[in-house]
């Protein structure tokens, strides 16, 4: 995703969260200092997942950063071809890119003329 966004003209940072607990609080605080949109991606259900933990962390620290949590919806998912299933639940590269850019553009729609392409 990082390279895909870069190719489209968006600057981003990548944090590899290898585990959900304990949260890497230093990395999350640093990300909030440099970005106003944090995107979490996981191949897990959204309910109780990493994205929810990150949202809670920012809320508890009163940090005004938007979190876009991308994960599998908390519903039954059919069995089948992995690529097709990823697309159907919205965790394929194309859908993630579209959702990320949409969230970024929505977040910055109110800004006056200043172009910012960082998340």
PDB file of N, CA and C in Angstrom:
ATOM      1  N   UNK A   1       0.813  -1.180   0.000  1.00  0.00           N
ATOM      2  CA  UNK A   1       0.000   0.000   0.000  1.00  0.00           C
ATOM      3  C   UNK A   1       0.864   1.254   0.000  1.00  0.00           C
ATOM      4  N   UNK A   2       1.905   1.231   0.779  1.00  0.00           N
ATOM      5  CA  UNK A   2       2.791   2.388   0.881  1.00  0.00           C
ATOM      6  C   UNK A   2       3.306   2.796  -0.507  1.00  0.00           C
ATOM      7  N   UNK A   3       3.800   1.837  -1.267  1.00  0.00           N
ATOM      8  CA  UNK A   3       4.328   2.116  -2.605  1.00  0.00           C
ATOM      9  C   UNK A   3       3.218   2.531  -3.564  1.00  0.00           C
ATOM     10  N   UNK A   4       2.066   1.929  -3.445  1.00  0.00           N
ATOM     11  CA  UNK A   4       0.936   2.266  -4.308  1.00  0.00           C
ATOM     12  C   UNK A   4       0.503   3.707  -4.078  1.00  0.00           C
ATOM     13  N   UNK A   5       0.411   4.106  -2.821  1.00  0.00           N
ATOM     14  CA  UNK A   5       0.030   5.486  -2.500  1.00  0.00           C
ATOM     15  C   UNK A   5       1.100   6.466  -2.971  1.00  0.00           C
ATOM     16  N   UNK A   6       2.345   6.092  -2.797  1.00  0.00           N
ATOM     17  CA  UNK A   6       3.453   6.946  -3.231  1.00  0.00           C
ATOM     18  C   UNK A   6       3.389   7.171  -4.742  1.00  0.00           C
ATOM     19  N   UNK A   7       3.091   6.128  -5.487  1.00  0.00           N
ATOM     20  CA  UNK A   7       2.978   6.237  -6.942  1.00  0.00           C
ATOM     21  C   UNK A   7       1.843   7.174  -7.355  1.00  0.00           C
ATOM     22  N   UNK A   8       0.841   7.304  -6.501  1.00  0.00           N
ATOM     23  CA  UNK A   8      -0.292   8.191  -6.780  1.00  0.00           C
ATOM     24  C   UNK A   8      -0.069   9.606  -6.245  1.00  0.00           C
ATOM     25  N   UNK A   9       1.108   9.851  -5.664  1.00  0.00           N
ATOM     26  CA  UNK A   9       1.447  11.188  -5.195  1.00  0.00           C
ATOM     27  C   UNK A   9       1.127  11.464  -3.741  1.00  0.00           C
ATOM     28  N   UNK A  10       0.862  10.434  -2.968  1.00  0.00           N
ATOM     29  CA  UNK A  10       0.556  10.595  -1.550  1.00  0.00           C
ATOM     30  C   UNK A  10       1.725  10.103  -0.714  1.00  0.00           C
ATOM     31  N   UNK A  11       2.144  10.941   0.228  1.00  0.00           N
ATOM     32  CA  UNK A  11       3.198  10.551   1.156  1.00  0.00           C
ATOM     33  C   UNK A  11       2.555   9.798   2.314  1.00  0.00           C
ATOM     34  N   UNK A  12       3.190   8.744   2.737  1.00  0.00           N
ATOM     35  CA  UNK A  12       2.666   7.976   3.860  1.00  0.00           C
ATOM     36  C   UNK A  12       3.819   7.355   4.629  1.00  0.00           C
ATOM     37  N   UNK A  13       3.506   6.882   5.801  1.00  0.00           N
ATOM     38  CA  UNK A  13       4.466   6.145   6.612  1.00  0.00           C
ATOM     39  C   UNK A  13       3.914   4.746   6.807  1.00  0.00           C
ATOM     40  N   UNK A  14       4.779   3.818   7.052  1.00  0.00           N
ATOM     41  CA  UNK A  14       4.373   2.441   7.263  1.00  0.00           C
ATOM     42  C   UNK A  14       4.908   1.962   8.596  1.00  0.00           C
ATOM     43  N   UNK A  15       4.014   1.465   9.425  1.00  0.00           N
ATOM     44  CA  UNK A  15       4.393   0.872  10.704  1.00  0.00           C
ATOM     45  C   UNK A  15       3.964  -0.586  10.647  1.00  0.00           C
ATOM     46  N   UNK A  16       4.895  -1.484  10.822  1.00  0.00           N
ATOM     47  CA  UNK A  16       4.582  -2.908  10.814  1.00  0.00           C
ATOM     48  C   UNK A  16       4.264  -3.336  12.241  1.00  0.00           C
ATOM     49  N   UNK A  17       2.980  -3.439  12.538  1.00  0.00           N
ATOM     50  CA  UNK A  17       2.547  -3.880  13.869  1.00  0.00           C
ATOM     51  C   UNK A  17       2.466  -5.400  13.845  1.00  0.00           C
ATOM     52  N   UNK A  18       3.481  -6.027  14.318  1.00  0.00           N
ATOM     53  CA  UNK A  18       3.548  -7.489  14.246  1.00  0.00           C
ATOM     54  C   UNK A  18       2.608  -8.175  15.220  1.00  0.00           C
ATOM     55  N   UNK A  19       2.171  -7.447  16.227  1.00  0.00           N
ATOM     56  CA  UNK A  19       1.262  -8.029  17.208  1.00  0.00           C
ATOM     57  C   UNK A  19       0.347  -6.933  17.720  1.00  0.00           C
ATOM     58  N   UNK A  20      -0.843  -7.343  18.164  1.00  0.00           N
ATOM     59  CA  UNK A  20      -1.855  -6.380  18.611  1.00  0.00           C
ATOM     60  C   UNK A  20      -1.620  -5.922  20.045  1.00  0.00           C
ATOM     61  N   UNK A  21      -1.033  -6.778  20.864  1.00  0.00           N
ATOM     62  CA  UNK A  21      -0.796  -6.415  22.256  1.00  0.00           C
ATOM     63  C   UNK A  21       0.613  -6.807  22.643  1.00  0.00           C
ATOM     64  N   UNK A  22       1.300  -5.992  23.341  1.00  0.00           N
ATOM     65  CA  UNK A  22       0.917  -4.631  23.695  1.00  0.00           C
ATOM     66  C   UNK A  22       1.080  -3.698  22.489  1.00  0.00           C
ATOM     67  N   UNK A  23       0.286  -2.646  22.466  1.00  0.00           N
ATOM     68  CA  UNK A  23       0.401  -1.665  21.398  1.00  0.00           C
ATOM     69  C   UNK A  23       1.750  -0.962  21.495  1.00  0.00           C
ATOM     70  N   UNK A  24       2.308  -0.633  20.356  1.00  0.00           N
ATOM     71  CA  UNK A  24       3.552   0.139  20.321  1.00  0.00           C
ATOM     72  C   UNK A  24       3.156   1.608  20.480  1.00  0.00           C
ATOM     73  N   UNK A  25       3.018   2.036  21.720  1.00  0.00           N
ATOM     74  CA  UNK A  25       2.527   3.381  22.014  1.00  0.00           C
ATOM     75  C   UNK A  25       3.439   4.463  21.463  1.00  0.00           C
ATOM     76  N   UNK A  26       4.747   4.251  21.503  1.00  0.00           N
ATOM     77  CA  UNK A  26       5.669   5.255  20.964  1.00  0.00           C
ATOM     78  C   UNK A  26       5.444   5.450  19.466  1.00  0.00           C
ATOM     79  N   UNK A  27       5.243   4.358  18.743  1.00  0.00           N
ATOM     80  CA  UNK A  27       4.999   4.451  17.300  1.00  0.00           C
ATOM     81  C   UNK A  27       3.673   5.151  17.026  1.00  0.00           C
ATOM     82  N   UNK A  28       2.652   4.848  17.827  1.00  0.00           N
ATOM     83  CA  UNK A  28       1.346   5.487  17.638  1.00  0.00           C
ATOM     84  C   UNK A  28       1.405   6.980  17.944  1.00  0.00           C
ATOM     85  N   UNK A  29       2.118   7.347  18.982  1.00  0.00           N
ATOM     86  CA  UNK A  29       2.261   8.769  19.310  1.00  0.00           C
ATOM     87  C   UNK A  29       3.038   9.501  18.223  1.00  0.00           C
ATOM     88  N   UNK A  30       4.085   8.892  17.724  1.00  0.00           N
ATOM     89  CA  UNK A  30       4.862   9.489  16.646  1.00  0.00           C
ATOM     90  C   UNK A  30       4.007   9.647  15.391  1.00  0.00           C
ATOM     91  N   UNK A  31       3.228   8.635  15.073  1.00  0.00           N
ATOM     92  CA  UNK A  31       2.357   8.705  13.900  1.00  0.00           C
ATOM     93  C   UNK A  31       1.359   9.852  14.031  1.00  0.00           C
ATOM     94  N   UNK A  32       0.823  10.042  15.218  1.00  0.00           N
ATOM     95  CA  UNK A  32      -0.149  11.119  15.448  1.00  0.00           C
ATOM     96  C   UNK A  32       0.497  12.494  15.335  1.00  0.00           C
ATOM     97  N   UNK A  33       1.782  12.592  15.658  1.00  0.00           N
ATOM     98  CA  UNK A  33       2.483  13.871  15.527  1.00  0.00           C
ATOM     99  C   UNK A  33       2.698  14.246  14.062  1.00  0.00           C
ATOM    100  N   UNK A  34       2.841  13.244  13.202  1.00  0.00           N
ATOM    101  CA  UNK A  34       3.190  13.495  11.807  1.00  0.00           C
ATOM    102  C   UNK A  34       2.026  13.347  10.830  1.00  0.00           C
ATOM    103  N   UNK A  35       0.938  12.746  11.274  1.00  0.00           N
ATOM    104  CA  UNK A  35      -0.183  12.465  10.365  1.00  0.00           C
ATOM    105  C   UNK A  35      -1.510  12.736  11.063  1.00  0.00           C
ATOM    106  N   UNK A  36      -2.506  13.097  10.279  1.00  0.00           N
ATOM    107  CA  UNK A  36      -3.837  13.265  10.853  1.00  0.00           C
ATOM    108  C   UNK A  36      -4.798  12.179  10.392  1.00  0.00           C
ATOM    109  N   UNK A  37      -4.310  11.237   9.585  1.00  0.00           N
ATOM    110  CA  UNK A  37      -5.084  10.062   9.202  1.00  0.00           C
ATOM    111  C   UNK A  37      -4.203   8.838   9.435  1.00  0.00           C
ATOM    112  N   UNK A  38      -4.703   7.939  10.245  1.00  0.00           N
ATOM    113  CA  UNK A  38      -4.013   6.674  10.520  1.00  0.00           C
ATOM    114  C   UNK A  38      -4.889   5.568   9.946  1.00  0.00           C
ATOM    115  N   UNK A  39      -4.310   4.723   9.111  1.00  0.00           N
ATOM    116  CA  UNK A  39      -5.047   3.614   8.508  1.00  0.00           C
ATOM    117  C   UNK A  39      -4.489   2.327   9.089  1.00  0.00           C
ATOM    118  N   UNK A  40      -5.376   1.533   9.685  1.00  0.00           N
ATOM    119  CA  UNK A  40      -4.954   0.219  10.160  1.00  0.00           C
ATOM    120  C   UNK A  40      -5.515  -0.820   9.199  1.00  0.00           C
ATOM    121  N   UNK A  41      -4.727  -1.830   8.924  1.00  0.00           N
ATOM    122  CA  UNK A  41      -5.169  -2.906   8.031  1.00  0.00           C
ATOM    123  C   UNK A  41      -4.883  -4.234   8.704  1.00  0.00           C
ATOM    124  N   UNK A  42      -5.884  -5.081   8.699  1.00  0.00           N
ATOM    125  CA  UNK A  42      -5.691  -6.404   9.282  1.00  0.00           C
ATOM    126  C   UNK A  42      -6.588  -7.415   8.598  1.00  0.00           C
ATOM    127  N   UNK A  43      -6.118  -8.625   8.538  1.00  0.00           N
ATOM    128  CA  UNK A  43      -6.901  -9.712   7.980  1.00  0.00           C
ATOM    129  C   UNK A  43      -7.535 -10.466   9.147  1.00  0.00           C
ATOM    130  N   UNK A  44      -8.398  -9.740   9.824  1.00  0.00           N
ATOM    131  CA  UNK A  44      -9.077 -10.219  11.020  1.00  0.00           C
ATOM    132  C   UNK A  44     -10.400  -9.473  11.072  1.00  0.00           C
ATOM    133  N   UNK A  45     -11.341  -9.919  11.901  1.00  0.00           N
ATOM    134  CA  UNK A  45     -12.600  -9.186  12.014  1.00  0.00           C
ATOM    135  C   UNK A  45     -12.357  -7.862  12.714  1.00  0.00           C
ATOM    136  N   UNK A  46     -13.139  -6.877  12.332  1.00  0.00           N
ATOM    137  CA  UNK A  46     -12.957  -5.524  12.863  1.00  0.00           C
ATOM    138  C   UNK A  46     -13.289  -5.449  14.347  1.00  0.00           C
ATOM    139  N   UNK A  47     -14.291  -6.203  14.771  1.00  0.00           N
ATOM    140  CA  UNK A  47     -14.732  -6.166  16.163  1.00  0.00           C
ATOM    141  C   UNK A  47     -13.646  -6.729  17.078  1.00  0.00           C
ATOM    142  N   UNK A  48     -13.105  -5.850  17.932  1.00  0.00           N
ATOM    143  CA  UNK A  48     -12.069  -6.268  18.865  1.00  0.00           C
ATOM    144  C   UNK A  48     -10.681  -6.339  18.263  1.00  0.00           C
ATOM    145  N   UNK A  49     -10.539  -5.871  17.049  1.00  0.00           N
ATOM    146  CA  UNK A  49      -9.260  -5.973  16.357  1.00  0.00           C
ATOM    147  C   UNK A  49      -8.307  -4.826  16.629  1.00  0.00           C
ATOM    148  N   UNK A  50      -7.235  -4.835  15.891  1.00  0.00           N
ATOM    149  CA  UNK A  50      -6.174  -3.838  16.042  1.00  0.00           C
ATOM    150  C   UNK A  50      -6.701  -2.420  15.814  1.00  0.00           C
ATOM    151  N   UNK A  51      -7.520  -2.247  14.789  1.00  0.00           N
ATOM    152  CA  UNK A  51      -8.057  -0.925  14.484  1.00  0.00           C
ATOM    153  C   UNK A  51      -8.833  -0.338  15.649  1.00  0.00           C
ATOM    154  N   UNK A  52      -9.649  -1.147  16.282  1.00  0.00           N
ATOM    155  CA  UNK A  52     -10.408  -0.672  17.448  1.00  0.00           C
ATOM    156  C   UNK A  52      -9.472  -0.312  18.597  1.00  0.00           C
ATOM    157  N   UNK A  53      -8.429  -1.080  18.785  1.00  0.00           N
ATOM    158  CA  UNK A  53      -7.469  -0.774  19.854  1.00  0.00           C
ATOM    159  C   UNK A  53      -6.749   0.543  19.586  1.00  0.00           C
ATOM    160  N   UNK A  54      -6.399   0.786  18.325  1.00  0.00           N
ATOM    161  CA  UNK A  54      -5.723   2.027  17.963  1.00  0.00           C
ATOM    162  C   UNK A  54      -6.663   3.213  18.178  1.00  0.00           C
ATOM    163  N   UNK A  55      -7.925   3.069  17.753  1.00  0.00           N
ATOM    164  CA  UNK A  55      -8.912   4.134  17.979  1.00  0.00           C
ATOM    165  C   UNK A  55      -9.038   4.449  19.462  1.00  0.00           C
ATOM    166  N   UNK A  56      -9.143   3.414  20.279  1.00  0.00           N
ATOM    167  CA  UNK A  56      -9.282   3.594  21.719  1.00  0.00           C
ATOM    168  C   UNK A  56      -8.049   4.292  22.298  1.00  0.00           C
ATOM    169  N   UNK A  57      -6.874   3.912  21.831  1.00  0.00           N
ATOM    170  CA  UNK A  57      -5.640   4.529  22.298  1.00  0.00           C
ATOM    171  C   UNK A  57      -5.663   6.031  22.046  1.00  0.00           C
ATOM    172  N   UNK A  58      -6.015   6.433  20.831  1.00  0.00           N
ATOM    173  CA  UNK A  58      -6.038   7.864  20.507  1.00  0.00           C
ATOM    174  C   UNK A  58      -7.111   8.599  21.292  1.00  0.00           C
ATOM    175  N   UNK A  59      -8.253   7.970  21.492  1.00  0.00           N
ATOM    176  CA  UNK A  59      -9.310   8.591  22.302  1.00  0.00           C
ATOM    177  C   UNK A  59      -8.852   8.784  23.741  1.00  0.00           C
ATOM    178  N   UNK A  60      -8.227   7.765  24.313  1.00  0.00           N
ATOM    179  CA  UNK A  60      -7.760   7.844  25.703  1.00  0.00           C
ATOM    180  C   UNK A  60      -6.680   8.898  25.889  1.00  0.00           C
ATOM    181  N   UNK A  61      -5.931   9.193  24.825  1.00  0.00           N
ATOM    182  CA  UNK A  61      -4.870  10.202  24.901  1.00  0.00           C
ATOM    183  C   UNK A  61      -5.324  11.553  24.343  1.00  0.00           C
ATOM    184  N   UNK A  62      -6.623  11.677  24.083  1.00  0.00           N
ATOM    185  CA  UNK A  62      -7.210  12.923  23.575  1.00  0.00           C
ATOM    186  C   UNK A  62      -6.462  13.485  22.374  1.00  0.00           C
ATOM    187  N   UNK A  63      -6.113  12.615  21.443  1.00  0.00           N
ATOM    188  CA  UNK A  63      -5.416  13.037  20.241  1.00  0.00           C
ATOM    189  C   UNK A  63      -6.407  13.117  19.083  1.00  0.00           C
ATOM    190  N   UNK A  64      -6.397  14.230  18.388  1.00  0.00           N
ATOM    191  CA  UNK A  64      -7.337  14.409  17.287  1.00  0.00           C
ATOM    192  C   UNK A  64      -6.722  13.891  15.992  1.00  0.00           C
ATOM    193  N   UNK A  65      -6.825  12.610  15.820  1.00  0.00           N
ATOM    194  CA  UNK A  65      -6.356  11.946  14.611  1.00  0.00           C
ATOM    195  C   UNK A  65      -7.483  11.024  14.158  1.00  0.00           C
ATOM    196  N   UNK A  66      -7.724  10.978  12.868  1.00  0.00           N
ATOM    197  CA  UNK A  66      -8.762  10.091  12.353  1.00  0.00           C
ATOM    198  C   UNK A  66      -8.155   8.725  12.095  1.00  0.00           C
ATOM    199  N   UNK A  67      -8.878   7.685  12.491  1.00  0.00           N
ATOM    200  CA  UNK A  67      -8.427   6.318  12.256  1.00  0.00           C
ATOM    201  C   UNK A  67      -9.400   5.651  11.293  1.00  0.00           C
ATOM    202  N   UNK A  68      -8.866   5.123  10.228  1.00  0.00           N
ATOM    203  CA  UNK A  68      -9.635   4.316   9.279  1.00  0.00           C
ATOM    204  C   UNK A  68      -9.212   2.878   9.510  1.00  0.00           C
ATOM    205  N   UNK A  69     -10.106   2.103  10.094  1.00  0.00           N
ATOM    206  CA  UNK A  69      -9.804   0.703  10.398  1.00  0.00           C
ATOM    207  C   UNK A  69     -10.321  -0.172   9.259  1.00  0.00           C
ATOM    208  N   UNK A  70      -9.408  -0.825   8.589  1.00  0.00           N
ATOM    209  CA  UNK A  70      -9.770  -1.707   7.486  1.00  0.00           C
ATOM    210  C   UNK A  70      -9.565  -3.133   7.953  1.00  0.00           C
ATOM    211  N   UNK A  71     -10.653  -3.881   7.940  1.00  0.00           N
ATOM    212  CA  UNK A  71     -10.620  -5.265   8.413  1.00  0.00           C
ATOM    213  C   UNK A  71     -11.822  -5.998   7.836  1.00  0.00           C
ATOM    214  N   UNK A  72     -11.928  -7.249   8.167  1.00  0.00           N
ATOM    215  CA  UNK A  72     -13.053  -8.063   7.711  1.00  0.00           C
ATOM    216  C   UNK A  72     -14.291  -7.683   8.522  1.00  0.00           C
ATOM    217  N   UNK A  73     -15.426  -7.452   7.857  1.00  0.00           N
ATOM    218  CA  UNK A  73     -16.646  -7.130   8.604  1.00  0.00           C
ATOM    219  C   UNK A  73     -16.989  -8.261   9.578  1.00  0.00           C
ATOM    220  N   UNK A  74     -17.631  -7.901  10.666  1.00  0.00           N
ATOM    221  CA  UNK A  74     -18.003  -8.879  11.687  1.00  0.00           C
ATOM    222  C   UNK A  74     -19.273  -9.606  11.254  1.00  0.00           C
ATOM    223  N   UNK A  75     -19.126 -10.416  10.220  1.00  0.00           N
ATOM    224  CA  UNK A  75     -20.250 -11.179   9.669  1.00  0.00           C
ATOM    225  C   UNK A  75     -19.701 -12.435   9.004  1.00  0.00           C
ATOM    226  N   UNK A  76     -20.591 -13.336   8.666  1.00  0.00           N
ATOM    227  CA  UNK A  76     -20.164 -14.588   8.036  1.00  0.00           C
ATOM    228  C   UNK A  76     -19.570 -14.314   6.658  1.00  0.00           C
ATOM    229  N   UNK A  77     -18.432 -14.913   6.383  1.00  0.00           N
ATOM    230  CA  UNK A  77     -17.784 -14.804   5.084  1.00  0.00           C
ATOM    231  C   UNK A  77     -17.725 -16.200   4.473  1.00  0.00           C
ATOM    232  N   UNK A  78     -18.210 -16.302   3.249  1.00  0.00           N
ATOM    233  CA  UNK A  78     -18.189 -17.586   2.546  1.00  0.00           C
ATOM    234  C   UNK A  78     -16.771 -18.093   2.374  1.00  0.00           C
ATOM    235  N   UNK A  79     -16.627 -19.370   2.141  1.00  0.00           N
ATOM    236  CA  UNK A  79     -15.323 -19.945   1.809  1.00  0.00           C
ATOM    237  C   UNK A  79     -15.148 -19.874   0.310  1.00  0.00           C
ATOM    238  N   UNK A  80     -13.906 -19.789  -0.142  1.00  0.00           N
ATOM    239  CA  UNK A  80     -13.673 -19.755  -1.578  1.00  0.00           C
ATOM    240  C   UNK A  80     -12.312 -19.186  -1.918  1.00  0.00           C
ATOM    241  N   UNK A  81     -12.194 -18.710  -3.134  1.00  0.00           N
ATOM    242  CA  UNK A  81     -10.960 -18.134  -3.642  1.00  0.00           C
ATOM    243  C   UNK A  81     -10.572 -16.921  -2.795  1.00  0.00           C
ATOM    244  N   UNK A  82      -9.357 -16.914  -2.278  1.00  0.00           N
ATOM    245  CA  UNK A  82      -8.908 -15.887  -1.342  1.00  0.00           C
ATOM    246  C   UNK A  82      -8.939 -14.498  -1.975  1.00  0.00           C
ATOM    247  N   UNK A  83      -8.467 -14.374  -3.210  1.00  0.00           N
ATOM    248  CA  UNK A  83      -8.459 -13.062  -3.871  1.00  0.00           C
ATOM    249  C   UNK A  83      -9.874 -12.517  -4.040  1.00  0.00           C
ATOM    250  N   UNK A  84     -10.796 -13.357  -4.432  1.00  0.00           N
ATOM    251  CA  UNK A  84     -12.191 -12.922  -4.599  1.00  0.00           C
ATOM    252  C   UNK A  84     -12.779 -12.529  -3.252  1.00  0.00           C
ATOM    253  N   UNK A  85     -12.526 -13.318  -2.239  1.00  0.00           N
ATOM    254  CA  UNK A  85     -13.051 -13.013  -0.902  1.00  0.00           C
ATOM    255  C   UNK A  85     -12.478 -11.716  -0.362  1.00  0.00           C
ATOM    256  N   UNK A  86     -11.191 -11.478  -0.563  1.00  0.00           N
ATOM    257  CA  UNK A  86     -10.594 -10.208  -0.106  1.00  0.00           C
ATOM    258  C   UNK A  86     -11.288  -9.022  -0.766  1.00  0.00           C
ATOM    259  N   UNK A  87     -11.551  -9.133  -2.063  1.00  0.00           N
ATOM    260  CA  UNK A  87     -12.236  -8.060  -2.773  1.00  0.00           C
ATOM    261  C   UNK A  87     -13.654  -7.875  -2.234  1.00  0.00           C
ATOM    262  N   UNK A  88     -14.349  -8.981  -2.002  1.00  0.00           N
ATOM    263  CA  UNK A  88     -15.734  -8.920  -1.518  1.00  0.00           C
ATOM    264  C   UNK A  88     -15.844  -8.256  -0.147  1.00  0.00           C
ATOM    265  N   UNK A  89     -14.870  -8.484   0.732  1.00  0.00           N
ATOM    266  CA  UNK A  89     -14.932  -7.897   2.075  1.00  0.00           C
ATOM    267  C   UNK A  89     -14.158  -6.591   2.180  1.00  0.00           C
ATOM    268  N   UNK A  90     -13.534  -6.159   1.078  1.00  0.00           N
ATOM    269  CA  UNK A  90     -12.894  -4.853   1.039  1.00  0.00           C
ATOM    270  C   UNK A  90     -11.500  -4.780   1.607  1.00  0.00           C
ATOM    271  N   UNK A  91     -10.781  -5.898   1.588  1.00  0.00           N
ATOM    272  CA  UNK A  91      -9.411  -5.857   2.094  1.00  0.00           C
ATOM    273  C   UNK A  91      -8.386  -6.172   0.997  1.00  0.00           C
ATOM    274  N   UNK A  92      -8.771  -5.953  -0.254  1.00  0.00           N
ATOM    275  CA  UNK A  92      -7.831  -6.090  -1.360  1.00  0.00           C
ATOM    276  C   UNK A  92      -7.129  -4.750  -1.576  1.00  0.00           C
ATOM    277  N   UNK A  93      -6.002  -4.777  -2.245  1.00  0.00           N
ATOM    278  CA  UNK A  93      -5.172  -3.574  -2.412  1.00  0.00           C
ATOM    279  C   UNK A  93      -5.927  -2.429  -3.076  1.00  0.00           C
ATOM    280  N   UNK A  94      -6.691  -2.708  -4.110  1.00  0.00           N
ATOM    281  CA  UNK A  94      -7.411  -1.642  -4.826  1.00  0.00           C
ATOM    282  C   UNK A  94      -8.447  -0.972  -3.927  1.00  0.00           C
ATOM    283  N   UNK A  95      -9.230  -1.754  -3.225  1.00  0.00           N
ATOM    284  CA  UNK A  95     -10.259  -1.197  -2.343  1.00  0.00           C
ATOM    285  C   UNK A  95      -9.632  -0.427  -1.189  1.00  0.00           C
ATOM    286  N   UNK A  96      -8.567  -0.961  -0.618  1.00  0.00           N
ATOM    287  CA  UNK A  96      -7.896  -0.270   0.487  1.00  0.00           C
ATOM    288  C   UNK A  96      -7.352   1.072   0.006  1.00  0.00           C
ATOM    289  N   UNK A  97      -6.750   1.086  -1.168  1.00  0.00           N
ATOM    290  CA  UNK A  97      -6.231   2.340  -1.729  1.00  0.00           C
ATOM    291  C   UNK A  97      -7.358   3.346  -1.917  1.00  0.00           C
ATOM    292  N   UNK A  98      -8.450   2.912  -2.516  1.00  0.00           N
ATOM    293  CA  UNK A  98      -9.597   3.804  -2.749  1.00  0.00           C
ATOM    294  C   UNK A  98     -10.145   4.353  -1.441  1.00  0.00           C
ATOM    295  N   UNK A  99     -10.330   3.488  -0.450  1.00  0.00           N
ATOM    296  CA  UNK A  99     -10.877   3.933   0.840  1.00  0.00           C
ATOM    297  C   UNK A  99      -9.937   4.891   1.555  1.00  0.00           C
ATOM    298  N   UNK A 100      -8.644   4.631   1.455  1.00  0.00           N
ATOM    299  CA  UNK A 100      -7.658   5.488   2.101  1.00  0.00           C
ATOM    300  C   UNK A 100      -7.662   6.879   1.478  1.00  0.00           C
ATOM    301  N   UNK A 101      -7.626   6.933   0.161  1.00  0.00           N
ATOM    302  CA  UNK A 101      -7.623   8.236  -0.526  1.00  0.00           C
ATOM    303  C   UNK A 101      -8.933   8.967  -0.263  1.00  0.00           C
ATOM    304  N   UNK A 102     -10.048   8.255  -0.286  1.00  0.00           N
ATOM    305  CA  UNK A 102     -11.349   8.869   0.003  1.00  0.00           C
ATOM    306  C   UNK A 102     -11.370   9.463   1.414  1.00  0.00           C
ATOM    307  N   UNK A 103     -10.875   8.738   2.380  1.00  0.00           N
ATOM    308  CA  UNK A 103     -10.845   9.232   3.760  1.00  0.00           C
ATOM    309  C   UNK A 103      -9.930  10.443   3.869  1.00  0.00           C
ATOM    310  N   UNK A 104      -8.799  10.386   3.193  1.00  0.00           N
ATOM    311  CA  UNK A 104      -7.863  11.503   3.221  1.00  0.00           C
ATOM    312  C   UNK A 104      -8.477  12.752   2.597  1.00  0.00           C
ATOM    313  N   UNK A 105      -9.061  12.590   1.428  1.00  0.00           N
ATOM    314  CA  UNK A 105      -9.664  13.725   0.733  1.00  0.00           C
ATOM    315  C   UNK A 105     -10.822  14.307   1.535  1.00  0.00           C
ATOM    316  N   UNK A 106     -11.618  13.458   2.129  1.00  0.00           N
ATOM    317  CA  UNK A 106     -12.735  13.908   2.965  1.00  0.00           C
ATOM    318  C   UNK A 106     -12.216  14.690   4.170  1.00  0.00           C
ATOM    319  N   UNK A 107     -11.170  14.211   4.771  1.00  0.00           N
ATOM    320  CA  UNK A 107     -10.581  14.861   5.938  1.00  0.00           C
ATOM    321  C   UNK A 107     -10.057  16.255   5.598  1.00  0.00           C
ATOM    322  N   UNK A 108      -9.526  16.400   4.407  1.00  0.00           N
ATOM    323  CA  UNK A 108      -8.904  17.664   4.017  1.00  0.00           C
ATOM    324  C   UNK A 108      -9.781  18.527   3.105  1.00  0.00           C
ATOM    325  N   UNK A 109     -11.024  18.129   2.922  1.00  0.00           N
ATOM    326  CA  UNK A 109     -11.924  18.887   2.048  1.00  0.00           C
ATOM    327  C   UNK A 109     -12.142  20.305   2.552  1.00  0.00           C
ATOM    328  N   UNK A 110     -12.051  20.508   3.847  1.00  0.00           N
ATOM    329  CA  UNK A 110     -12.291  21.821   4.438  1.00  0.00           C
ATOM    330  C   UNK A 110     -11.070  22.732   4.410  1.00  0.00           C
ATOM    331  N   UNK A 111      -9.907  22.173   4.091  1.00  0.00           N
ATOM    332  CA  UNK A 111      -8.696  22.996   4.084  1.00  0.00           C
ATOM    333  C   UNK A 111      -8.734  23.995   2.935  1.00  0.00           C
ATOM    334  N   UNK A 112      -8.225  25.147   3.157  1.00  0.00           N
ATOM    335  CA  UNK A 112      -8.250  26.208   2.145  1.00  0.00           C
ATOM    336  C   UNK A 112      -7.057  26.113   1.210  1.00  0.00           C
ATOM    337  N   UNK A 113      -7.260  25.539   0.070  1.00  0.00           N
ATOM    338  CA  UNK A 113      -6.277  25.534  -0.993  1.00  0.00           C
ATOM    339  C   UNK A 113      -4.960  24.828  -0.730  1.00  0.00           C
ATOM    340  N   UNK A 114      -4.593  24.599   0.494  1.00  0.00           N
ATOM    341  CA  UNK A 114      -3.304  23.969   0.792  1.00  0.00           C
ATOM    342  C   UNK A 114      -3.391  22.498   0.448  1.00  0.00           C
ATOM    343  N   UNK A 115      -2.498  22.049  -0.405  1.00  0.00           N
ATOM    344  CA  UNK A 115      -2.483  20.642  -0.786  1.00  0.00           C
ATOM    345  C   UNK A 115      -1.597  19.873   0.165  1.00  0.00           C
ATOM    346  N   UNK A 116      -2.196  18.846   0.771  1.00  0.00           N
ATOM    347  CA  UNK A 116      -1.439  17.991   1.682  1.00  0.00           C
ATOM    348  C   UNK A 116      -1.644  16.567   1.242  1.00  0.00           C
ATOM    349  N   UNK A 117      -0.590  15.878   0.979  1.00  0.00           N
ATOM    350  CA  UNK A 117      -0.661  14.473   0.584  1.00  0.00           C
ATOM    351  C   UNK A 117       0.179  13.633   1.524  1.00  0.00           C
ATOM    352  N   UNK A 118      -0.158  13.669   2.804  1.00  0.00           N
ATOM    353  CA  UNK A 118       0.596  12.864   3.761  1.00  0.00           C
ATOM    354  C   UNK A 118      -0.340  12.155   4.716  1.00  0.00           C
ATOM    355  N   UNK A 119      -0.112  10.875   4.886  1.00  0.00           N
ATOM    356  CA  UNK A 119      -0.802  10.061   5.882  1.00  0.00           C
ATOM    357  C   UNK A 119      -0.019   8.814   6.137  1.00  0.00           C
TER     358      UNK A 119
END
